[in-house]
Amino acid sequence: MFGDGNQQRAFTHVSDVVGALLKLVVEPQSHRQVINVGNVQEITIYKLAERVRELSGSSSPIKLIPV
């Protein structure tokens, strides 16, 4: 991964976004409004890599690439 892995991101499953958008389309009060559809739970990229490695049963090292 690039950098030290401390970058934080919040991920949202695509089906959750599609569901929210379908509800917003038929909601008159949502028209011309800015709506944030997402997740507020953040994870560092390094922790995400550890989780992917754990869930996949991989023993691959996590390599940090300086930027």
PDB file of N, CA and C in Angstrom:
ATOM      1  N   MET A   1       0.840  -1.161   0.000  1.00  0.00           N
ATOM      2  CA  MET A   1       0.000   0.000   0.000  1.00  0.00           C
ATOM      3  C   MET A   1       0.887   1.226   0.000  1.00  0.00           C
ATOM      4  N   PHE A   2       0.391   2.300  -0.591  1.00  0.00           N
ATOM      5  CA  PHE A   2       1.141   3.547  -0.664  1.00  0.00           C
ATOM      6  C   PHE A   2       1.053   4.298   0.661  1.00  0.00           C
ATOM      7  N   GLY A   3       2.170   4.821   1.103  1.00  0.00           N
ATOM      8  CA  GLY A   3       2.197   5.577   2.349  1.00  0.00           C
ATOM      9  C   GLY A   3       2.295   4.661   3.548  1.00  0.00           C
ATOM     10  N   ASP A   4       1.842   5.155   4.690  1.00  0.00           N
ATOM     11  CA  ASP A   4       1.967   4.393   5.936  1.00  0.00           C
ATOM     12  C   ASP A   4       0.704   3.612   6.301  1.00  0.00           C
ATOM     13  N   GLY A   5      -0.333   3.729   5.493  1.00  0.00           N
ATOM     14  CA  GLY A   5      -1.565   2.986   5.750  1.00  0.00           C
ATOM     15  C   GLY A   5      -2.499   3.653   6.734  1.00  0.00           C
ATOM     16  N   ASN A   6      -2.137   4.840   7.215  1.00  0.00           N
ATOM     17  CA  ASN A   6      -2.990   5.529   8.185  1.00  0.00           C
ATOM     18  C   ASN A   6      -4.085   6.377   7.536  1.00  0.00           C
ATOM     19  N   GLN A   7      -4.149   6.371   6.203  1.00  0.00           N
ATOM     20  CA  GLN A   7      -5.228   7.075   5.517  1.00  0.00           C
ATOM     21  C   GLN A   7      -6.542   6.418   5.942  1.00  0.00           C
ATOM     22  N   GLN A   8      -7.556   7.235   6.160  1.00  0.00           N
ATOM     23  CA  GLN A   8      -8.846   6.695   6.593  1.00  0.00           C
ATOM     24  C   GLN A   8      -9.895   6.865   5.500  1.00  0.00           C
ATOM     25  N   ARG A   9     -10.741   5.867   5.388  1.00  0.00           N
ATOM     26  CA  ARG A   9     -11.838   5.891   4.432  1.00  0.00           C
ATOM     27  C   ARG A   9     -13.089   5.329   5.101  1.00  0.00           C
ATOM     28  N   ALA A  10     -14.231   5.694   4.566  1.00  0.00           N
ATOM     29  CA  ALA A  10     -15.513   5.135   4.994  1.00  0.00           C
ATOM     30  C   ALA A  10     -16.142   4.488   3.760  1.00  0.00           C
ATOM     31  N   PHE A  11     -16.406   3.218   3.850  1.00  0.00           N
ATOM     32  CA  PHE A  11     -16.949   2.475   2.714  1.00  0.00           C
ATOM     33  C   PHE A  11     -18.428   2.195   2.922  1.00  0.00           C
ATOM     34  N   THR A  12     -19.159   2.145   1.824  1.00  0.00           N
ATOM     35  CA  THR A  12     -20.587   1.857   1.856  1.00  0.00           C
ATOM     36  C   THR A  12     -20.881   0.802   0.797  1.00  0.00           C
ATOM     37  N   HIS A  13     -21.687  -0.167   1.145  1.00  0.00           N
ATOM     38  CA  HIS A  13     -22.041  -1.209   0.178  1.00  0.00           C
ATOM     39  C   HIS A  13     -22.942  -0.614  -0.905  1.00  0.00           C
ATOM     40  N   VAL A  14     -22.702  -1.005  -2.130  1.00  0.00           N
ATOM     41  CA  VAL A  14     -23.432  -0.437  -3.263  1.00  0.00           C
ATOM     42  C   VAL A  14     -24.941  -0.668  -3.143  1.00  0.00           C
ATOM     43  N   SER A  15     -25.364  -1.784  -2.583  1.00  0.00           N
ATOM     44  CA  SER A  15     -26.811  -2.025  -2.458  1.00  0.00           C
ATOM     45  C   SER A  15     -27.453  -1.036  -1.481  1.00  0.00           C
ATOM     46  N   ASP A  16     -26.698  -0.592  -0.474  1.00  0.00           N
ATOM     47  CA  ASP A  16     -27.216   0.420   0.447  1.00  0.00           C
ATOM     48  C   ASP A  16     -27.387   1.766  -0.256  1.00  0.00           C
ATOM     49  N   VAL A  17     -26.443   2.103  -1.120  1.00  0.00           N
ATOM     50  CA  VAL A  17     -26.525   3.361  -1.863  1.00  0.00           C
ATOM     51  C   VAL A  17     -27.693   3.315  -2.844  1.00  0.00           C
ATOM     52  N   VAL A  18     -27.844   2.212  -3.563  1.00  0.00           N
ATOM     53  CA  VAL A  18     -28.945   2.082  -4.529  1.00  0.00           C
ATOM     54  C   VAL A  18     -30.289   2.176  -3.814  1.00  0.00           C
ATOM     55  N   GLY A  19     -30.415   1.502  -2.683  1.00  0.00           N
ATOM     56  CA  GLY A  19     -31.660   1.564  -1.914  1.00  0.00           C
ATOM     57  C   GLY A  19     -31.995   2.980  -1.485  1.00  0.00           C
ATOM     58  N   ALA A  20     -30.982   3.708  -1.008  1.00  0.00           N
ATOM     59  CA  ALA A  20     -31.204   5.093  -0.585  1.00  0.00           C
ATOM     60  C   ALA A  20     -31.599   5.967  -1.769  1.00  0.00           C
ATOM     61  N   LEU A  21     -30.937   5.790  -2.899  1.00  0.00           N
ATOM     62  CA  LEU A  21     -31.261   6.598  -4.080  1.00  0.00           C
ATOM     63  C   LEU A  21     -32.674   6.330  -4.585  1.00  0.00           C
ATOM     64  N   LEU A  22     -33.094   5.075  -4.549  1.00  0.00           N
ATOM     65  CA  LEU A  22     -34.457   4.742  -4.983  1.00  0.00           C
ATOM     66  C   LEU A  22     -35.495   5.401  -4.075  1.00  0.00           C
ATOM     67  N   LYS A  23     -35.210   5.465  -2.784  1.00  0.00           N
ATOM     68  CA  LYS A  23     -36.129   6.137  -1.866  1.00  0.00           C
ATOM     69  C   LYS A  23     -36.134   7.647  -2.085  1.00  0.00           C
ATOM     70  N   LEU A  24     -34.973   8.213  -2.382  1.00  0.00           N
ATOM     71  CA  LEU A  24     -34.878   9.657  -2.587  1.00  0.00           C
ATOM     72  C   LEU A  24     -35.588  10.111  -3.861  1.00  0.00           C
ATOM     73  N   VAL A  25     -35.594   9.268  -4.879  1.00  0.00           N
ATOM     74  CA  VAL A  25     -36.221   9.620  -6.156  1.00  0.00           C
ATOM     75  C   VAL A  25     -37.711   9.903  -5.982  1.00  0.00           C
ATOM     76  N   VAL A  26     -38.357   9.171  -5.090  1.00  0.00           N
ATOM     77  CA  VAL A  26     -39.806   9.330  -4.914  1.00  0.00           C
ATOM     78  C   VAL A  26     -40.162  10.245  -3.738  1.00  0.00           C
ATOM     79  N   GLU A  27     -39.172  10.824  -3.113  1.00  0.00           N
ATOM     80  CA  GLU A  27     -39.409  11.726  -1.972  1.00  0.00           C
ATOM     81  C   GLU A  27     -39.353  13.171  -2.450  1.00  0.00           C
ATOM     82  N   PRO A  28     -40.504  13.852  -2.553  1.00  0.00           N
ATOM     83  CA  PRO A  28     -40.530  15.227  -3.073  1.00  0.00           C
ATOM     84  C   PRO A  28     -39.621  16.194  -2.300  1.00  0.00           C
ATOM     85  N   GLN A  29     -39.483  16.019  -1.003  1.00  0.00           N
ATOM     86  CA  GLN A  29     -38.662  16.944  -0.221  1.00  0.00           C
ATOM     87  C   GLN A  29     -37.164  16.777  -0.476  1.00  0.00           C
ATOM     88  N   SER A  30     -36.780  15.720  -1.158  1.00  0.00           N
ATOM     89  CA  SER A  30     -35.357  15.514  -1.432  1.00  0.00           C
ATOM     90  C   SER A  30     -34.891  16.224  -2.713  1.00  0.00           C
ATOM     91  N   HIS A  31     -35.838  16.685  -3.517  1.00  0.00           N
ATOM     92  CA  HIS A  31     -35.481  17.326  -4.783  1.00  0.00           C
ATOM     93  C   HIS A  31     -34.717  18.626  -4.526  1.00  0.00           C
ATOM     94  N   ARG A  32     -33.666  18.820  -5.282  1.00  0.00           N
ATOM     95  CA  ARG A  32     -32.798  20.005  -5.192  1.00  0.00           C
ATOM     96  C   ARG A  32     -32.105  20.131  -3.832  1.00  0.00           C
ATOM     97  N   GLN A  33     -31.962  19.012  -3.143  1.00  0.00           N
ATOM     98  CA  GLN A  33     -31.270  18.992  -1.858  1.00  0.00           C
ATOM     99  C   GLN A  33     -29.946  18.244  -2.003  1.00  0.00           C
ATOM    100  N   VAL A  34     -29.004  18.582  -1.173  1.00  0.00           N
ATOM    101  CA  VAL A  34     -27.753  17.833  -1.105  1.00  0.00           C
ATOM    102  C   VAL A  34     -27.935  16.760  -0.039  1.00  0.00           C
ATOM    103  N   ILE A  35     -27.802  15.520  -0.449  1.00  0.00           N
ATOM    104  CA  ILE A  35     -28.001  14.389   0.457  1.00  0.00           C
ATOM    105  C   ILE A  35     -26.719  13.567   0.477  1.00  0.00           C
ATOM    106  N   ASN A  36     -26.189  13.325   1.652  1.00  0.00           N
ATOM    107  CA  ASN A  36     -25.005  12.492   1.788  1.00  0.00           C
ATOM    108  C   ASN A  36     -25.447  11.060   2.043  1.00  0.00           C
ATOM    109  N   VAL A  37     -25.168  10.187   1.091  1.00  0.00           N
ATOM    110  CA  VAL A  37     -25.479   8.774   1.239  1.00  0.00           C
ATOM    111  C   VAL A  37     -24.151   8.063   1.464  1.00  0.00           C
ATOM    112  N   GLY A  38     -23.944   7.621   2.677  1.00  0.00           N
ATOM    113  CA  GLY A  38     -22.661   6.978   2.959  1.00  0.00           C
ATOM    114  C   GLY A  38     -22.600   6.428   4.356  1.00  0.00           C
ATOM    115  N   ASN A  39     -21.402   6.172   4.773  1.00  0.00           N
ATOM    116  CA  ASN A  39     -21.142   5.548   6.065  1.00  0.00           C
ATOM    117  C   ASN A  39     -20.212   6.459   6.850  1.00  0.00           C
ATOM    118  N   VAL A  40     -20.449   6.611   8.128  1.00  0.00           N
ATOM    119  CA  VAL A  40     -19.585   7.458   8.949  1.00  0.00           C
ATOM    120  C   VAL A  40     -18.515   6.642   9.685  1.00  0.00           C
ATOM    121  N   GLN A  41     -18.583   5.326   9.597  1.00  0.00           N
ATOM    122  CA  GLN A  41     -17.598   4.471  10.272  1.00  0.00           C
ATOM    123  C   GLN A  41     -16.343   4.364   9.407  1.00  0.00           C
ATOM    124  N   GLU A  42     -15.263   4.966   9.882  1.00  0.00           N
ATOM    125  CA  GLU A  42     -14.023   4.969   9.111  1.00  0.00           C
ATOM    126  C   GLU A  42     -13.102   3.833   9.542  1.00  0.00           C
ATOM    127  N   ILE A  43     -12.232   3.449   8.610  1.00  0.00           N
ATOM    128  CA  ILE A  43     -11.224   2.429   8.872  1.00  0.00           C
ATOM    129  C   ILE A  43      -9.948   2.869   8.169  1.00  0.00           C
ATOM    130  N   THR A  44      -8.801   2.595   8.792  1.00  0.00           N
ATOM    131  CA  THR A  44      -7.544   2.915   8.109  1.00  0.00           C
ATOM    132  C   THR A  44      -7.318   1.886   7.012  1.00  0.00           C
ATOM    133  N   ILE A  45      -6.592   2.285   6.009  1.00  0.00           N
ATOM    134  CA  ILE A  45      -6.287   1.369   4.905  1.00  0.00           C
ATOM    135  C   ILE A  45      -5.464   0.185   5.410  1.00  0.00           C
ATOM    136  N   TYR A  46      -4.586   0.439   6.370  1.00  0.00           N
ATOM    137  CA  TYR A  46      -3.788  -0.657   6.937  1.00  0.00           C
ATOM    138  C   TYR A  46      -4.683  -1.671   7.656  1.00  0.00           C
ATOM    139  N   LYS A  47      -5.622  -1.184   8.475  1.00  0.00           N
ATOM    140  CA  LYS A  47      -6.546  -2.091   9.171  1.00  0.00           C
ATOM    141  C   LYS A  47      -7.404  -2.863   8.168  1.00  0.00           C
ATOM    142  N   LEU A  48      -7.795  -2.200   7.085  1.00  0.00           N
ATOM    143  CA  LEU A  48      -8.577  -2.867   6.050  1.00  0.00           C
ATOM    144  C   LEU A  48      -7.754  -3.989   5.414  1.00  0.00           C
ATOM    145  N   ALA A  49      -6.489  -3.715   5.129  1.00  0.00           N
ATOM    146  CA  ALA A  49      -5.612  -4.741   4.549  1.00  0.00           C
ATOM    147  C   ALA A  49      -5.462  -5.921   5.511  1.00  0.00           C
ATOM    148  N   GLU A  50      -5.320  -5.634   6.798  1.00  0.00           N
ATOM    149  CA  GLU A  50      -5.235  -6.711   7.785  1.00  0.00           C
ATOM    150  C   GLU A  50      -6.513  -7.545   7.806  1.00  0.00           C
ATOM    151  N   ARG A  51      -7.634  -6.863   7.711  1.00  0.00           N
ATOM    152  CA  ARG A  51      -8.924  -7.574   7.736  1.00  0.00           C
ATOM    153  C   ARG A  51      -9.100  -8.454   6.500  1.00  0.00           C
ATOM    154  N   VAL A  52      -8.729  -7.917   5.335  1.00  0.00           N
ATOM    155  CA  VAL A  52      -8.824  -8.705   4.097  1.00  0.00           C
ATOM    156  C   VAL A  52      -7.914  -9.921   4.189  1.00  0.00           C
ATOM    157  N   ARG A  53      -6.691  -9.716   4.695  1.00  0.00           N
ATOM    158  CA  ARG A  53      -5.747 -10.829   4.836  1.00  0.00           C
ATOM    159  C   ARG A  53      -6.312 -11.888   5.788  1.00  0.00           C
ATOM    160  N   GLU A  54      -6.882 -11.452   6.903  1.00  0.00           N
ATOM    161  CA  GLU A  54      -7.443 -12.382   7.882  1.00  0.00           C
ATOM    162  C   GLU A  54      -8.629 -13.157   7.311  1.00  0.00           C
ATOM    163  N   LEU A  55      -9.569 -12.437   6.670  1.00  0.00           N
ATOM    164  CA  LEU A  55     -10.771 -13.083   6.139  1.00  0.00           C
ATOM    165  C   LEU A  55     -10.470 -14.041   4.993  1.00  0.00           C
ATOM    166  N   SER A  56      -9.402 -13.751   4.250  1.00  0.00           N
ATOM    167  CA  SER A  56      -9.057 -14.609   3.115  1.00  0.00           C
ATOM    168  C   SER A  56      -8.134 -15.755   3.518  1.00  0.00           C
ATOM    169  N   GLY A  57      -7.655 -15.733   4.772  1.00  0.00           N
ATOM    170  CA  GLY A  57      -6.750 -16.784   5.218  1.00  0.00           C
ATOM    171  C   GLY A  57      -5.362 -16.666   4.627  1.00  0.00           C
ATOM    172  N   SER A  58      -5.027 -15.487   4.167  1.00  0.00           N
ATOM    173  CA  SER A  58      -3.730 -15.254   3.521  1.00  0.00           C
ATOM    174  C   SER A  58      -2.637 -14.987   4.562  1.00  0.00           C
ATOM    175  N   SER A  59      -1.435 -15.390   4.218  1.00  0.00           N
ATOM    176  CA  SER A  59      -0.291 -15.064   5.063  1.00  0.00           C
ATOM    177  C   SER A  59       0.643 -14.078   4.349  1.00  0.00           C
ATOM    178  N   SER A  60       0.134 -13.479   3.268  1.00  0.00           N
ATOM    179  CA  SER A  60       0.928 -12.502   2.514  1.00  0.00           C
ATOM    180  C   SER A  60       1.281 -11.320   3.384  1.00  0.00           C
ATOM    181  N   PRO A  61       2.496 -10.821   3.226  1.00  0.00           N
ATOM    182  CA  PRO A  61       2.866  -9.618   4.002  1.00  0.00           C
ATOM    183  C   PRO A  61       2.182  -8.379   3.445  1.00  0.00           C
ATOM    184  N   ILE A  62       1.966  -7.420   4.310  1.00  0.00           N
ATOM    185  CA  ILE A  62       1.444  -6.123   3.877  1.00  0.00           C
ATOM    186  C   ILE A  62       2.643  -5.232   3.642  1.00  0.00           C
ATOM    187  N   LYS A  63       2.843  -4.831   2.388  1.00  0.00           N
ATOM    188  CA  LYS A  63       4.011  -4.031   2.041  1.00  0.00           C
ATOM    189  C   LYS A  63       3.651  -2.557   1.967  1.00  0.00           C
ATOM    190  N   LEU A  64       4.425  -1.741   2.637  1.00  0.00           N
ATOM    191  CA  LEU A  64       4.242  -0.294   2.600  1.00  0.00           C
ATOM    192  C   LEU A  64       5.188   0.281   1.563  1.00  0.00           C
ATOM    193  N   ILE A  65       4.640   1.106   0.680  1.00  0.00           N
ATOM    194  CA  ILE A  65       5.435   1.738  -0.378  1.00  0.00           C
ATOM    195  C   ILE A  65       5.497   3.233  -0.097  1.00  0.00           C
ATOM    196  N   PRO A  66       6.703   3.745   0.180  1.00  0.00           N
ATOM    197  CA  PRO A  66       6.824   5.180   0.470  1.00  0.00           C
ATOM    198  C   PRO A  66       6.338   6.026  -0.705  1.00  0.00           C
ATOM    199  N   VAL A  67       5.717   7.151  -0.380  1.00  0.00           N
ATOM    200  CA  VAL A  67       5.270   8.070  -1.450  1.00  0.00           C
ATOM    201  C   VAL A  67       6.156   9.273  -1.537  1.00  0.00           C
TER     202      VAL A  67
END
